[in-house]
């Protein structure tokens, strides 16, 4: 099972079933890698990664962080990072609900 599938299951089991996933490319401390293709070595600076976006209430942030760290932490370079930022507002277009009501 992939790390993404493991994280998705752990979040769902913890009561956080909604998330968005993007396939992205980037690098962190590992600075990419080198590959050999037809006898030539070349640098692959942008590695494939997954970006998860999970929008929760302020009261739920610590639970989501704990769930992800416990599920994904291996202690190796490449485990990833969590960024926590404020969302000013959320609006469910279908109903016009705003704020926390739009999240459930």
C-alpha atoms as a PDB file:
ATOM      1  CA  UNK A   1       0.000   0.000   0.000  1.00  0.00           C
ATOM      2  CA  UNK A   2       1.431   3.425  -0.926  1.00  0.00           C
ATOM      3  CA  UNK A   3       2.169   6.117   1.655  1.00  0.00           C
ATOM      4  CA  UNK A   4      -0.684   8.145   0.186  1.00  0.00           C
ATOM      5  CA  UNK A   5      -3.165   5.287   0.598  1.00  0.00           C
ATOM      6  CA  UNK A   6      -1.929   4.653   4.149  1.00  0.00           C
ATOM      7  CA  UNK A   7      -2.344   8.332   5.045  1.00  0.00           C
ATOM      8  CA  UNK A   8      -5.793   8.468   3.456  1.00  0.00           C
ATOM      9  CA  UNK A   9      -6.957   5.392   5.396  1.00  0.00           C
ATOM     10  CA  UNK A  10      -5.510   6.668   8.686  1.00  0.00           C
ATOM     11  CA  UNK A  11      -7.201  10.049   8.250  1.00  0.00           C
ATOM     12  CA  UNK A  12     -10.505   8.437   7.337  1.00  0.00           C
ATOM     13  CA  UNK A  13     -10.295   6.055  10.311  1.00  0.00           C
ATOM     14  CA  UNK A  14      -9.598   9.067  12.567  1.00  0.00           C
ATOM     15  CA  UNK A  15     -12.732  10.833  11.314  1.00  0.00           C
ATOM     16  CA  UNK A  16     -11.216  13.046   8.618  1.00  0.00           C
ATOM     17  CA  UNK A  17     -12.501  11.573   5.338  1.00  0.00           C
ATOM     18  CA  UNK A  18     -12.146  14.657   3.103  1.00  0.00           C
ATOM     19  CA  UNK A  19      -8.896  15.680   1.428  1.00  0.00           C
ATOM     20  CA  UNK A  20      -7.522  16.881  -1.883  1.00  0.00           C
ATOM     21  CA  UNK A  21      -4.450  15.343  -3.515  1.00  0.00           C
ATOM     22  CA  UNK A  22      -2.188  16.855  -6.166  1.00  0.00           C
ATOM     23  CA  UNK A  23       0.705  15.206  -7.973  1.00  0.00           C
ATOM     24  CA  UNK A  24       3.579  17.663  -7.877  1.00  0.00           C
ATOM     25  CA  UNK A  25       7.338  17.726  -8.455  1.00  0.00           C
ATOM     26  CA  UNK A  26       9.959  19.190  -6.172  1.00  0.00           C
ATOM     27  CA  UNK A  27      12.929  18.444  -3.971  1.00  0.00           C
ATOM     28  CA  UNK A  28      13.974  18.996  -0.414  1.00  0.00           C
ATOM     29  CA  UNK A  29      17.089  18.036   1.439  1.00  0.00           C
ATOM     30  CA  UNK A  30      17.728  15.090  -0.899  1.00  0.00           C
ATOM     31  CA  UNK A  31      18.378  17.522  -3.800  1.00  0.00           C
ATOM     32  CA  UNK A  32      17.110  15.131  -6.471  1.00  0.00           C
ATOM     33  CA  UNK A  33      19.043  12.163  -7.822  1.00  0.00           C
ATOM     34  CA  UNK A  34      21.134  11.084 -10.800  1.00  0.00           C
ATOM     35  CA  UNK A  35      19.988   8.467 -13.309  1.00  0.00           C
ATOM     36  CA  UNK A  36      21.698   6.607 -16.096  1.00  0.00           C
ATOM     37  CA  UNK A  37      19.962   6.582 -19.500  1.00  0.00           C
ATOM     38  CA  UNK A  38      21.549   5.001 -22.578  1.00  0.00           C
ATOM     39  CA  UNK A  39      24.998   5.309 -21.083  1.00  0.00           C
ATOM     40  CA  UNK A  40      24.664   8.961 -20.053  1.00  0.00           C
ATOM     41  CA  UNK A  41      24.269  10.213 -16.513  1.00  0.00           C
ATOM     42  CA  UNK A  42      21.817  13.020 -15.946  1.00  0.00           C
ATOM     43  CA  UNK A  43      20.407  14.842 -12.955  1.00  0.00           C
ATOM     44  CA  UNK A  44      16.771  14.540 -11.985  1.00  0.00           C
ATOM     45  CA  UNK A  45      16.287  17.621  -9.830  1.00  0.00           C
ATOM     46  CA  UNK A  46      12.514  17.541  -9.497  1.00  0.00           C
ATOM     47  CA  UNK A  47      11.176  14.385  -7.896  1.00  0.00           C
ATOM     48  CA  UNK A  48       7.541  13.262  -8.013  1.00  0.00           C
ATOM     49  CA  UNK A  49       5.678  14.010  -4.788  1.00  0.00           C
ATOM     50  CA  UNK A  50       2.118  14.187  -3.509  1.00  0.00           C
ATOM     51  CA  UNK A  51       0.578  17.279  -1.936  1.00  0.00           C
ATOM     52  CA  UNK A  52      -2.360  16.765   0.408  1.00  0.00           C
ATOM     53  CA  UNK A  53      -4.702  19.549   1.405  1.00  0.00           C
ATOM     54  CA  UNK A  54      -6.863  18.893   4.430  1.00  0.00           C
ATOM     55  CA  UNK A  55      -9.130  21.663   5.694  1.00  0.00           C
ATOM     56  CA  UNK A  56     -10.290  21.237   9.292  1.00  0.00           C
ATOM     57  CA  UNK A  57     -11.428  23.414  12.180  1.00  0.00           C
ATOM     58  CA  UNK A  58      -8.866  24.907  14.565  1.00  0.00           C
ATOM     59  CA  UNK A  59      -9.870  22.318  17.183  1.00  0.00           C
ATOM     60  CA  UNK A  60      -9.021  19.452  14.815  1.00  0.00           C
ATOM     61  CA  UNK A  61      -5.563  20.581  13.646  1.00  0.00           C
ATOM     62  CA  UNK A  62      -3.569  18.807  16.367  1.00  0.00           C
ATOM     63  CA  UNK A  63      -5.471  15.542  15.781  1.00  0.00           C
ATOM     64  CA  UNK A  64      -4.741  15.622  12.039  1.00  0.00           C
ATOM     65  CA  UNK A  65      -1.066  16.449  12.630  1.00  0.00           C
ATOM     66  CA  UNK A  66      -0.714  13.626  15.157  1.00  0.00           C
ATOM     67  CA  UNK A  67      -2.439  11.179  12.809  1.00  0.00           C
ATOM     68  CA  UNK A  68      -0.162  12.046   9.875  1.00  0.00           C
ATOM     69  CA  UNK A  69       3.074  12.060  11.888  1.00  0.00           C
ATOM     70  CA  UNK A  70       2.280   8.718  13.534  1.00  0.00           C
ATOM     71  CA  UNK A  71       1.309   7.205  10.178  1.00  0.00           C
ATOM     72  CA  UNK A  72       4.043   8.539   7.894  1.00  0.00           C
ATOM     73  CA  UNK A  73       7.129   9.169  10.040  1.00  0.00           C
ATOM     74  CA  UNK A  74       9.978   6.780   9.196  1.00  0.00           C
ATOM     75  CA  UNK A  75      12.856   8.947  10.376  1.00  0.00           C
ATOM     76  CA  UNK A  76      14.320   9.002   6.876  1.00  0.00           C
ATOM     77  CA  UNK A  77      14.920  11.934   4.549  1.00  0.00           C
ATOM     78  CA  UNK A  78      11.861  12.319   2.352  1.00  0.00           C
ATOM     79  CA  UNK A  79       9.187  11.783   5.008  1.00  0.00           C
ATOM     80  CA  UNK A  80       7.769  15.154   3.990  1.00  0.00           C
ATOM     81  CA  UNK A  81       6.591  18.250   5.786  1.00  0.00           C
ATOM     82  CA  UNK A  82       3.342  19.560   7.189  1.00  0.00           C
ATOM     83  CA  UNK A  83       2.465  23.205   6.662  1.00  0.00           C
ATOM     84  CA  UNK A  84      -0.349  24.677   8.702  1.00  0.00           C
ATOM     85  CA  UNK A  85      -1.996  27.838   7.471  1.00  0.00           C
ATOM     86  CA  UNK A  86      -5.188  29.757   8.079  1.00  0.00           C
ATOM     87  CA  UNK A  87      -8.149  29.557   5.760  1.00  0.00           C
ATOM     88  CA  UNK A  88     -10.039  32.834   5.910  1.00  0.00           C
ATOM     89  CA  UNK A  89     -13.392  31.381   4.917  1.00  0.00           C
ATOM     90  CA  UNK A  90     -15.032  28.397   3.252  1.00  0.00           C
ATOM     91  CA  UNK A  91     -18.236  28.545   1.224  1.00  0.00           C
ATOM     92  CA  UNK A  92     -20.260  25.571   0.028  1.00  0.00           C
ATOM     93  CA  UNK A  93     -21.478  26.891  -3.336  1.00  0.00           C
ATOM     94  CA  UNK A  94     -24.481  24.551  -3.543  1.00  0.00           C
ATOM     95  CA  UNK A  95     -26.061  25.738  -0.254  1.00  0.00           C
ATOM     96  CA  UNK A  96     -24.305  29.013   0.511  1.00  0.00           C
ATOM     97  CA  UNK A  97     -23.118  27.682   3.897  1.00  0.00           C
ATOM     98  CA  UNK A  98     -20.046  29.459   5.242  1.00  0.00           C
ATOM     99  CA  UNK A  99     -17.301  28.755   7.740  1.00  0.00           C
ATOM    100  CA  UNK A 100     -17.336  25.515   9.724  1.00  0.00           C
ATOM    101  CA  UNK A 101     -20.818  24.647   8.400  1.00  0.00           C
ATOM    102  CA  UNK A 102     -19.329  24.411   4.903  1.00  0.00           C
ATOM    103  CA  UNK A 103     -16.717  21.888   6.032  1.00  0.00           C
ATOM    104  CA  UNK A 104     -19.000  19.084   7.170  1.00  0.00           C
END
